[in-house]
Amino acid sequence: MALRAVNELCEWLISPDGNWCFRFCRDSKSLGGDACVLVDKWIASQGMPVEMRFRQKLQLDQALELAAEMLLDGWDKLQDQLIEEDEEAA
């Protein structure tokens, strides 16, 4: 079950003020019970990531907890915003 969850975890989150983005993505080198997620912190400009500041490697449970806390604190999924903008342009 952990392997399936980590395969599905690859998301961008953007801060409420639009100045920071975090990217959560499966570490392809981690296996099975030792599933890890790479978490990248980026500077954002105009709602888009422009420069990566640092990367950390977290256990799957830690990464899911961090993402959940960020969403509760008002962070948004960046991909959803990009999809909405594309639909409005059409």
PDB file of N, CA and C in Angstrom:
ATOM      1  N   MET A   1       0.821  -1.198   0.000  1.00  0.00           N
ATOM      2  CA  MET A   1       0.000   0.000   0.000  1.00  0.00           C
ATOM      3  C   MET A   1       0.864   1.260   0.000  1.00  0.00           C
ATOM      4  N   ALA A   2       1.952   1.287   0.739  1.00  0.00           N
ATOM      5  CA  ALA A   2       2.818   2.462   0.776  1.00  0.00           C
ATOM      6  C   ALA A   2       3.408   2.737  -0.599  1.00  0.00           C
ATOM      7  N   LEU A   3       3.746   1.679  -1.342  1.00  0.00           N
ATOM      8  CA  LEU A   3       4.334   1.860  -2.664  1.00  0.00           C
ATOM      9  C   LEU A   3       3.328   2.531  -3.600  1.00  0.00           C
ATOM     10  N   ARG A   4       2.070   2.127  -3.540  1.00  0.00           N
ATOM     11  CA  ARG A   4       1.052   2.753  -4.376  1.00  0.00           C
ATOM     12  C   ARG A   4       0.894   4.226  -4.011  1.00  0.00           C
ATOM     13  N   ALA A   5       0.852   4.537  -2.729  1.00  0.00           N
ATOM     14  CA  ALA A   5       0.681   5.921  -2.286  1.00  0.00           C
ATOM     15  C   ALA A   5       1.842   6.793  -2.735  1.00  0.00           C
ATOM     16  N   VAL A   6       3.059   6.308  -2.616  1.00  0.00           N
ATOM     17  CA  VAL A   6       4.216   7.115  -3.006  1.00  0.00           C
ATOM     18  C   VAL A   6       4.260   7.314  -4.516  1.00  0.00           C
ATOM     19  N   ASN A   7       3.776   6.367  -5.306  1.00  0.00           N
ATOM     20  CA  ASN A   7       3.734   6.536  -6.753  1.00  0.00           C
ATOM     21  C   ASN A   7       2.769   7.635  -7.160  1.00  0.00           C
ATOM     22  N   GLU A   8       1.702   7.826  -6.373  1.00  0.00           N
ATOM     23  CA  GLU A   8       0.708   8.825  -6.688  1.00  0.00           C
ATOM     24  C   GLU A   8       1.102  10.216  -6.184  1.00  0.00           C
ATOM     25  N   LEU A   9       2.110  10.308  -5.347  1.00  0.00           N
ATOM     26  CA  LEU A   9       2.467  11.571  -4.715  1.00  0.00           C
ATOM     27  C   LEU A   9       3.484  12.327  -5.556  1.00  0.00           C
ATOM     28  N   CYS A  10       3.012  13.260  -6.332  1.00  0.00           N
ATOM     29  CA  CYS A  10       3.890  14.168  -7.061  1.00  0.00           C
ATOM     30  C   CYS A  10       3.083  15.440  -7.311  1.00  0.00           C
ATOM     31  N   GLU A  11       3.191  16.369  -6.409  1.00  0.00           N
ATOM     32  CA  GLU A  11       2.372  17.575  -6.433  1.00  0.00           C
ATOM     33  C   GLU A  11       3.195  18.821  -6.156  1.00  0.00           C
ATOM     34  N   TRP A  12       2.728  19.932  -6.691  1.00  0.00           N
ATOM     35  CA  TRP A  12       3.244  21.255  -6.372  1.00  0.00           C
ATOM     36  C   TRP A  12       2.260  21.943  -5.443  1.00  0.00           C
ATOM     37  N   LEU A  13       2.753  22.564  -4.388  1.00  0.00           N
ATOM     38  CA  LEU A  13       1.932  23.405  -3.517  1.00  0.00           C
ATOM     39  C   LEU A  13       2.489  24.816  -3.556  1.00  0.00           C
ATOM     40  N   ILE A  14       1.597  25.800  -3.516  1.00  0.00           N
ATOM     41  CA  ILE A  14       2.023  27.201  -3.523  1.00  0.00           C
ATOM     42  C   ILE A  14       1.493  27.879  -2.264  1.00  0.00           C
ATOM     43  N   SER A  15       2.335  28.734  -1.683  1.00  0.00           N
ATOM     44  CA  SER A  15       1.985  29.416  -0.431  1.00  0.00           C
ATOM     45  C   SER A  15       0.826  30.385  -0.646  1.00  0.00           C
ATOM     46  N   PRO A  16       0.125  30.717   0.432  1.00  0.00           N
ATOM     47  CA  PRO A  16      -0.997  31.658   0.311  1.00  0.00           C
ATOM     48  C   PRO A  16      -0.593  33.010  -0.288  1.00  0.00           C
ATOM     49  N   ASP A  17       0.636  33.465  -0.030  1.00  0.00           N
ATOM     50  CA  ASP A  17       1.078  34.756  -0.577  1.00  0.00           C
ATOM     51  C   ASP A  17       1.683  34.621  -1.979  1.00  0.00           C
ATOM     52  N   GLY A  18       1.832  33.389  -2.477  1.00  0.00           N
ATOM     53  CA  GLY A  18       2.345  33.161  -3.823  1.00  0.00           C
ATOM     54  C   GLY A  18       3.846  33.304  -3.973  1.00  0.00           C
ATOM     55  N   ASN A  19       4.586  33.424  -2.869  1.00  0.00           N
ATOM     56  CA  ASN A  19       6.035  33.633  -2.938  1.00  0.00           C
ATOM     57  C   ASN A  19       6.859  32.354  -2.863  1.00  0.00           C
ATOM     58  N   TRP A  20       6.236  31.239  -2.456  1.00  0.00           N
ATOM     59  CA  TRP A  20       6.967  29.978  -2.293  1.00  0.00           C
ATOM     60  C   TRP A  20       6.185  28.825  -2.888  1.00  0.00           C
ATOM     61  N   CYS A  21       6.898  27.865  -3.444  1.00  0.00           N
ATOM     62  CA  CYS A  21       6.305  26.613  -3.916  1.00  0.00           C
ATOM     63  C   CYS A  21       7.085  25.456  -3.311  1.00  0.00           C
ATOM     64  N   PHE A  22       6.393  24.389  -3.036  1.00  0.00           N
ATOM     65  CA  PHE A  22       7.019  23.136  -2.621  1.00  0.00           C
ATOM     66  C   PHE A  22       6.600  22.066  -3.614  1.00  0.00           C
ATOM     67  N   ARG A  23       7.555  21.235  -4.000  1.00  0.00           N
ATOM     68  CA  ARG A  23       7.275  20.118  -4.897  1.00  0.00           C
ATOM     69  C   ARG A  23       7.516  18.836  -4.121  1.00  0.00           C
ATOM     70  N   PHE A  24       6.519  17.994  -4.069  1.00  0.00           N
ATOM     71  CA  PHE A  24       6.606  16.691  -3.419  1.00  0.00           C
ATOM     72  C   PHE A  24       6.609  15.642  -4.519  1.00  0.00           C
ATOM     73  N   CYS A  25       7.656  14.833  -4.572  1.00  0.00           N
ATOM     74  CA  CYS A  25       7.722  13.830  -5.630  1.00  0.00           C
ATOM     75  C   CYS A  25       8.421  12.572  -5.128  1.00  0.00           C
ATOM     76  N   ARG A  26       7.917  11.451  -5.536  1.00  0.00           N
ATOM     77  CA  ARG A  26       8.461  10.153  -5.163  1.00  0.00           C
ATOM     78  C   ARG A  26       9.944  10.074  -5.508  1.00  0.00           C
ATOM     79  N   ASP A  27      10.721   9.524  -4.598  1.00  0.00           N
ATOM     80  CA  ASP A  27      12.127   9.251  -4.864  1.00  0.00           C
ATOM     81  C   ASP A  27      12.202   7.902  -5.557  1.00  0.00           C
ATOM     82  N   SER A  28      12.538   7.903  -6.825  1.00  0.00           N
ATOM     83  CA  SER A  28      12.540   6.666  -7.612  1.00  0.00           C
ATOM     84  C   SER A  28      13.569   5.660  -7.114  1.00  0.00           C
ATOM     85  N   LYS A  29      14.521   6.108  -6.291  1.00  0.00           N
ATOM     86  CA  LYS A  29      15.548   5.203  -5.770  1.00  0.00           C
ATOM     87  C   LYS A  29      15.103   4.499  -4.491  1.00  0.00           C
ATOM     88  N   SER A  30      14.004   4.955  -3.881  1.00  0.00           N
ATOM     89  CA  SER A  30      13.532   4.308  -2.660  1.00  0.00           C
ATOM     90  C   SER A  30      12.597   3.164  -3.031  1.00  0.00           C
ATOM     91  N   LEU A  31      12.621   2.134  -2.224  1.00  0.00           N
ATOM     92  CA  LEU A  31      11.855   0.927  -2.535  1.00  0.00           C
ATOM     93  C   LEU A  31      10.950   0.515  -1.392  1.00  0.00           C
ATOM     94  N   GLY A  32       9.825  -0.066  -1.740  1.00  0.00           N
ATOM     95  CA  GLY A  32       8.918  -0.742  -0.827  1.00  0.00           C
ATOM     96  C   GLY A  32       8.713  -0.073   0.508  1.00  0.00           C
ATOM     97  N   GLY A  33       9.082  -0.797   1.592  1.00  0.00           N
ATOM     98  CA  GLY A  33       8.838  -0.322   2.938  1.00  0.00           C
ATOM     99  C   GLY A  33       9.656   0.896   3.314  1.00  0.00           C
ATOM    100  N   ASP A  34      10.668   1.242   2.533  1.00  0.00           N
ATOM    101  CA  ASP A  34      11.504   2.408   2.820  1.00  0.00           C
ATOM    102  C   ASP A  34      11.202   3.523   1.828  1.00  0.00           C
ATOM    103  N   ALA A  35       9.900   3.721   1.526  1.00  0.00           N
ATOM    104  CA  ALA A  35       9.490   4.713   0.537  1.00  0.00           C
ATOM    105  C   ALA A  35       9.828   6.124   1.022  1.00  0.00           C
ATOM    106  N   CYS A  36      10.444   6.901   0.138  1.00  0.00           N
ATOM    107  CA  CYS A  36      10.839   8.277   0.455  1.00  0.00           C
ATOM    108  C   CYS A  36      10.278   9.240  -0.583  1.00  0.00           C
ATOM    109  N   VAL A  37      10.188  10.488  -0.173  1.00  0.00           N
ATOM    110  CA  VAL A  37       9.689  11.555  -1.032  1.00  0.00           C
ATOM    111  C   VAL A  37      10.717  12.682  -1.030  1.00  0.00           C
ATOM    112  N   LEU A  38      10.995  13.216  -2.213  1.00  0.00           N
ATOM    113  CA  LEU A  38      11.857  14.386  -2.328  1.00  0.00           C
ATOM    114  C   LEU A  38      10.969  15.625  -2.219  1.00  0.00           C
ATOM    115  N   VAL A  39      11.357  16.533  -1.353  1.00  0.00           N
ATOM    116  CA  VAL A  39      10.590  17.766  -1.144  1.00  0.00           C
ATOM    117  C   VAL A  39      11.506  18.929  -1.511  1.00  0.00           C
ATOM    118  N   ASP A  40      11.117  19.654  -2.556  1.00  0.00           N
ATOM    119  CA  ASP A  40      11.897  20.792  -3.045  1.00  0.00           C
ATOM    120  C   ASP A  40      11.191  22.089  -2.677  1.00  0.00           C
ATOM    121  N   LYS A  41      11.944  23.043  -2.167  1.00  0.00           N
ATOM    122  CA  LYS A  41      11.406  24.379  -1.875  1.00  0.00           C
ATOM    123  C   LYS A  41      11.879  25.333  -2.965  1.00  0.00           C
ATOM    124  N   TRP A  42      10.946  26.045  -3.573  1.00  0.00           N
ATOM    125  CA  TRP A  42      11.232  26.960  -4.662  1.00  0.00           C
ATOM    126  C   TRP A  42      10.753  28.365  -4.322  1.00  0.00           C
ATOM    127  N   ILE A  43      11.475  29.363  -4.832  1.00  0.00           N
ATOM    128  CA  ILE A  43      10.974  30.733  -4.848  1.00  0.00           C
ATOM    129  C   ILE A  43       9.985  30.815  -6.005  1.00  0.00           C
ATOM    130  N   ALA A  44       8.878  31.518  -5.785  1.00  0.00           N
ATOM    131  CA  ALA A  44       7.872  31.673  -6.836  1.00  0.00           C
ATOM    132  C   ALA A  44       7.754  33.139  -7.240  1.00  0.00           C
ATOM    133  N   SER A  45       7.416  33.337  -8.483  1.00  0.00           N
ATOM    134  CA  SER A  45       7.146  34.668  -9.005  1.00  0.00           C
ATOM    135  C   SER A  45       5.899  34.573  -9.871  1.00  0.00           C
ATOM    136  N   GLN A  46       4.952  35.440  -9.623  1.00  0.00           N
ATOM    137  CA  GLN A  46       3.684  35.449 -10.349  1.00  0.00           C
ATOM    138  C   GLN A  46       3.019  34.070 -10.316  1.00  0.00           C
ATOM    139  N   GLY A  47       3.124  33.407  -9.167  1.00  0.00           N
ATOM    140  CA  GLY A  47       2.461  32.133  -8.970  1.00  0.00           C
ATOM    141  C   GLY A  47       3.122  30.931  -9.621  1.00  0.00           C
ATOM    142  N   MET A  48       4.356  31.104 -10.097  1.00  0.00           N
ATOM    143  CA  MET A  48       5.069  30.002 -10.752  1.00  0.00           C
ATOM    144  C   MET A  48       6.434  29.816 -10.107  1.00  0.00           C
ATOM    145  N   PRO A  49       6.896  28.571  -9.951  1.00  0.00           N
ATOM    146  CA  PRO A  49       8.225  28.336  -9.397  1.00  0.00           C
ATOM    147  C   PRO A  49       9.308  28.828 -10.358  1.00  0.00           C
ATOM    148  N   VAL A  50      10.324  29.523  -9.812  1.00  0.00           N
ATOM    149  CA  VAL A  50      11.376  30.066 -10.675  1.00  0.00           C
ATOM    150  C   VAL A  50      12.787  29.667 -10.251  1.00  0.00           C
ATOM    151  N   GLU A  51      13.005  29.376  -8.962  1.00  0.00           N
ATOM    152  CA  GLU A  51      14.355  29.041  -8.510  1.00  0.00           C
ATOM    153  C   GLU A  51      14.286  28.101  -7.305  1.00  0.00           C
ATOM    154  N   MET A  52      14.908  26.936  -7.438  1.00  0.00           N
ATOM    155  CA  MET A  52      14.911  25.989  -6.332  1.00  0.00           C
ATOM    156  C   MET A  52      15.903  26.434  -5.265  1.00  0.00           C
ATOM    157  N   ARG A  53      15.459  26.421  -4.006  1.00  0.00           N
ATOM    158  CA  ARG A  53      16.299  26.844  -2.892  1.00  0.00           C
ATOM    159  C   ARG A  53      16.947  25.661  -2.177  1.00  0.00           C
ATOM    160  N   PHE A  54      16.196  24.587  -1.927  1.00  0.00           N
ATOM    161  CA  PHE A  54      16.798  23.410  -1.304  1.00  0.00           C
ATOM    162  C   PHE A  54      15.928  22.189  -1.525  1.00  0.00           C
ATOM    163  N   ARG A  55      16.519  21.029  -1.274  1.00  0.00           N
ATOM    164  CA  ARG A  55      15.834  19.747  -1.388  1.00  0.00           C
ATOM    165  C   ARG A  55      16.073  18.963  -0.112  1.00  0.00           C
ATOM    166  N   GLN A  56      15.029  18.291   0.349  1.00  0.00           N
ATOM    167  CA  GLN A  56      15.175  17.380   1.475  1.00  0.00           C
ATOM    168  C   GLN A  56      14.481  16.070   1.132  1.00  0.00           C
ATOM    169  N   LYS A  57      14.945  15.007   1.741  1.00  0.00           N
ATOM    170  CA  LYS A  57      14.389  13.682   1.524  1.00  0.00           C
ATOM    171  C   LYS A  57      13.676  13.264   2.806  1.00  0.00           C
ATOM    172  N   LEU A  58      12.370  12.982   2.693  1.00  0.00           N
ATOM    173  CA  LEU A  58      11.573  12.613   3.852  1.00  0.00           C
ATOM    174  C   LEU A  58      10.971  11.222   3.661  1.00  0.00           C
ATOM    175  N   GLN A  59      10.715  10.546   4.768  1.00  0.00           N
ATOM    176  CA  GLN A  59       9.961   9.309   4.715  1.00  0.00           C
ATOM    177  C   GLN A  59       8.549   9.652   4.239  1.00  0.00           C
ATOM    178  N   LEU A  60       7.885   8.697   3.608  1.00  0.00           N
ATOM    179  CA  LEU A  60       6.561   8.930   3.051  1.00  0.00           C
ATOM    180  C   LEU A  60       5.602   9.518   4.082  1.00  0.00           C
ATOM    181  N   ASP A  61       5.543   8.941   5.272  1.00  0.00           N
ATOM    182  CA  ASP A  61       4.624   9.428   6.300  1.00  0.00           C
ATOM    183  C   ASP A  61       4.904  10.883   6.672  1.00  0.00           C
ATOM    184  N   GLN A  62       6.177  11.250   6.770  1.00  0.00           N
ATOM    185  CA  GLN A  62       6.546  12.628   7.107  1.00  0.00           C
ATOM    186  C   GLN A  62       6.127  13.584   5.990  1.00  0.00           C
ATOM    187  N   ALA A  63       6.328  13.178   4.738  1.00  0.00           N
ATOM    188  CA  ALA A  63       5.971  14.036   3.603  1.00  0.00           C
ATOM    189  C   ALA A  63       4.461  14.230   3.521  1.00  0.00           C
ATOM    190  N   LEU A  64       3.695  13.161   3.752  1.00  0.00           N
ATOM    191  CA  LEU A  64       2.239  13.279   3.721  1.00  0.00           C
ATOM    192  C   LEU A  64       1.744  14.187   4.838  1.00  0.00           C
ATOM    193  N   GLU A  65       2.351  14.078   6.013  1.00  0.00           N
ATOM    194  CA  GLU A  65       1.975  14.933   7.140  1.00  0.00           C
ATOM    195  C   GLU A  65       2.294  16.399   6.841  1.00  0.00           C
ATOM    196  N   LEU A  66       3.482  16.667   6.280  1.00  0.00           N
ATOM    197  CA  LEU A  66       3.865  18.035   5.931  1.00  0.00           C
ATOM    198  C   LEU A  66       2.899  18.625   4.908  1.00  0.00           C
ATOM    199  N   ALA A  67       2.589  17.860   3.852  1.00  0.00           N
ATOM    200  CA  ALA A  67       1.670  18.353   2.818  1.00  0.00           C
ATOM    201  C   ALA A  67       0.291  18.636   3.401  1.00  0.00           C
ATOM    202  N   ALA A  68      -0.204  17.754   4.258  1.00  0.00           N
ATOM    203  CA  ALA A  68      -1.517  17.951   4.877  1.00  0.00           C
ATOM    204  C   ALA A  68      -1.529  19.212   5.742  1.00  0.00           C
ATOM    205  N   GLU A  69      -0.470  19.429   6.514  1.00  0.00           N
ATOM    206  CA  GLU A  69      -0.377  20.633   7.345  1.00  0.00           C
ATOM    207  C   GLU A  69      -0.347  21.892   6.485  1.00  0.00           C
ATOM    208  N   MET A  70       0.397  21.838   5.387  1.00  0.00           N
ATOM    209  CA  MET A  70       0.480  23.003   4.510  1.00  0.00           C
ATOM    210  C   MET A  70      -0.885  23.320   3.902  1.00  0.00           C
ATOM    211  N   LEU A  71      -1.613  22.296   3.467  1.00  0.00           N
ATOM    212  CA  LEU A  71      -2.939  22.519   2.898  1.00  0.00           C
ATOM    213  C   LEU A  71      -3.889  23.118   3.934  1.00  0.00           C
ATOM    214  N   LEU A  72      -3.796  22.638   5.165  1.00  0.00           N
ATOM    215  CA  LEU A  72      -4.622  23.196   6.235  1.00  0.00           C
ATOM    216  C   LEU A  72      -4.255  24.640   6.547  1.00  0.00           C
ATOM    217  N   ASP A  73      -2.995  25.005   6.314  1.00  0.00           N
ATOM    218  CA  ASP A  73      -2.528  26.376   6.563  1.00  0.00           C
ATOM    219  C   ASP A  73      -2.800  27.314   5.388  1.00  0.00           C
ATOM    220  N   GLY A  74      -3.501  26.840   4.365  1.00  0.00           N
ATOM    221  CA  GLY A  74      -3.893  27.718   3.267  1.00  0.00           C
ATOM    222  C   GLY A  74      -3.108  27.574   1.981  1.00  0.00           C
ATOM    223  N   TRP A  75      -2.153  26.658   1.924  1.00  0.00           N
ATOM    224  CA  TRP A  75      -1.432  26.414   0.685  1.00  0.00           C
ATOM    225  C   TRP A  75      -2.391  25.765  -0.313  1.00  0.00           C
ATOM    226  N   ASP A  76      -2.154  26.002  -1.607  1.00  0.00           N
ATOM    227  CA  ASP A  76      -2.990  25.437  -2.670  1.00  0.00           C
ATOM    228  C   ASP A  76      -2.167  24.532  -3.568  1.00  0.00           C
ATOM    229  N   LYS A  77      -2.853  23.610  -4.225  1.00  0.00           N
ATOM    230  CA  LYS A  77      -2.192  22.776  -5.227  1.00  0.00           C
ATOM    231  C   LYS A  77      -1.984  23.622  -6.475  1.00  0.00           C
ATOM    232  N   LEU A  78      -0.767  23.756  -6.904  1.00  0.00           N
ATOM    233  CA  LEU A  78      -0.441  24.610  -8.055  1.00  0.00           C
ATOM    234  C   LEU A  78      -0.986  24.029  -9.340  1.00  0.00           C
ATOM    235  N   GLN A  79      -0.924  22.735  -9.527  1.00  0.00           N
ATOM    236  CA  GLN A  79      -1.387  22.103 -10.757  1.00  0.00           C
ATOM    237  C   GLN A  79      -2.856  22.429 -11.010  1.00  0.00           C
ATOM    238  N   ASP A  80      -3.686  22.394  -9.969  1.00  0.00           N
ATOM    239  CA  ASP A  80      -5.100  22.715 -10.128  1.00  0.00           C
ATOM    240  C   ASP A  80      -5.284  24.140 -10.630  1.00  0.00           C
ATOM    241  N   GLN A  81      -4.469  25.064 -10.149  1.00  0.00           N
ATOM    242  CA  GLN A  81      -4.573  26.457 -10.597  1.00  0.00           C
ATOM    243  C   GLN A  81      -4.223  26.563 -12.075  1.00  0.00           C
ATOM    244  N   LEU A  82      -3.206  25.835 -12.521  1.00  0.00           N
ATOM    245  CA  LEU A  82      -2.804  25.880 -13.916  1.00  0.00           C
ATOM    246  C   LEU A  82      -3.892  25.296 -14.809  1.00  0.00           C
ATOM    247  N   ILE A  83      -4.550  24.236 -14.363  1.00  0.00           N
ATOM    248  CA  ILE A  83      -5.631  23.624 -15.139  1.00  0.00           C
ATOM    249  C   ILE A  83      -6.793  24.602 -15.272  1.00  0.00           C
ATOM    250  N   GLU A  84      -7.142  25.288 -14.180  1.00  0.00           N
ATOM    251  CA  GLU A  84      -8.245  26.260 -14.223  1.00  0.00           C
ATOM    252  C   GLU A  84      -7.926  27.390 -15.203  1.00  0.00           C
ATOM    253  N   GLU A  85      -6.680  27.876 -15.215  1.00  0.00           N
ATOM    254  CA  GLU A  85      -6.300  28.958 -16.121  1.00  0.00           C
ATOM    255  C   GLU A  85      -6.410  28.491 -17.571  1.00  0.00           C
ATOM    256  N   ASP A  86      -5.995  27.248 -17.864  1.00  0.00           N
ATOM    257  CA  ASP A  86      -6.093  26.710 -19.225  1.00  0.00           C
ATOM    258  C   ASP A  86      -7.548  26.613 -19.671  1.00  0.00           C
ATOM    259  N   GLU A  87      -8.450  26.195 -18.761  1.00  0.00           N
ATOM    260  CA  GLU A  87      -9.855  26.074 -19.100  1.00  0.00           C
ATOM    261  C   GLU A  87     -10.471  27.431 -19.369  1.00  0.00           C
ATOM    262  N   GLU A  88     -10.074  28.457 -18.615  1.00  0.00           N
ATOM    263  CA  GLU A  88     -10.600  29.805 -18.813  1.00  0.00           C
ATOM    264  C   GLU A  88     -10.152  30.373 -20.154  1.00  0.00           C
ATOM    265  N   ALA A  89      -8.939  30.053 -20.589  1.00  0.00           N
ATOM    266  CA  ALA A  89      -8.409  30.561 -21.848  1.00  0.00           C
ATOM    267  C   ALA A  89      -9.111  29.926 -23.056  1.00  0.00           C
ATOM    268  N   ALA A  90      -9.646  28.729 -22.876  1.00  0.00           N
ATOM    269  CA  ALA A  90     -10.284  28.008 -23.992  1.00  0.00           C
ATOM    270  C   ALA A  90     -11.641  28.578 -24.345  1.00  0.00           C
TER     271      ALA A  90
END
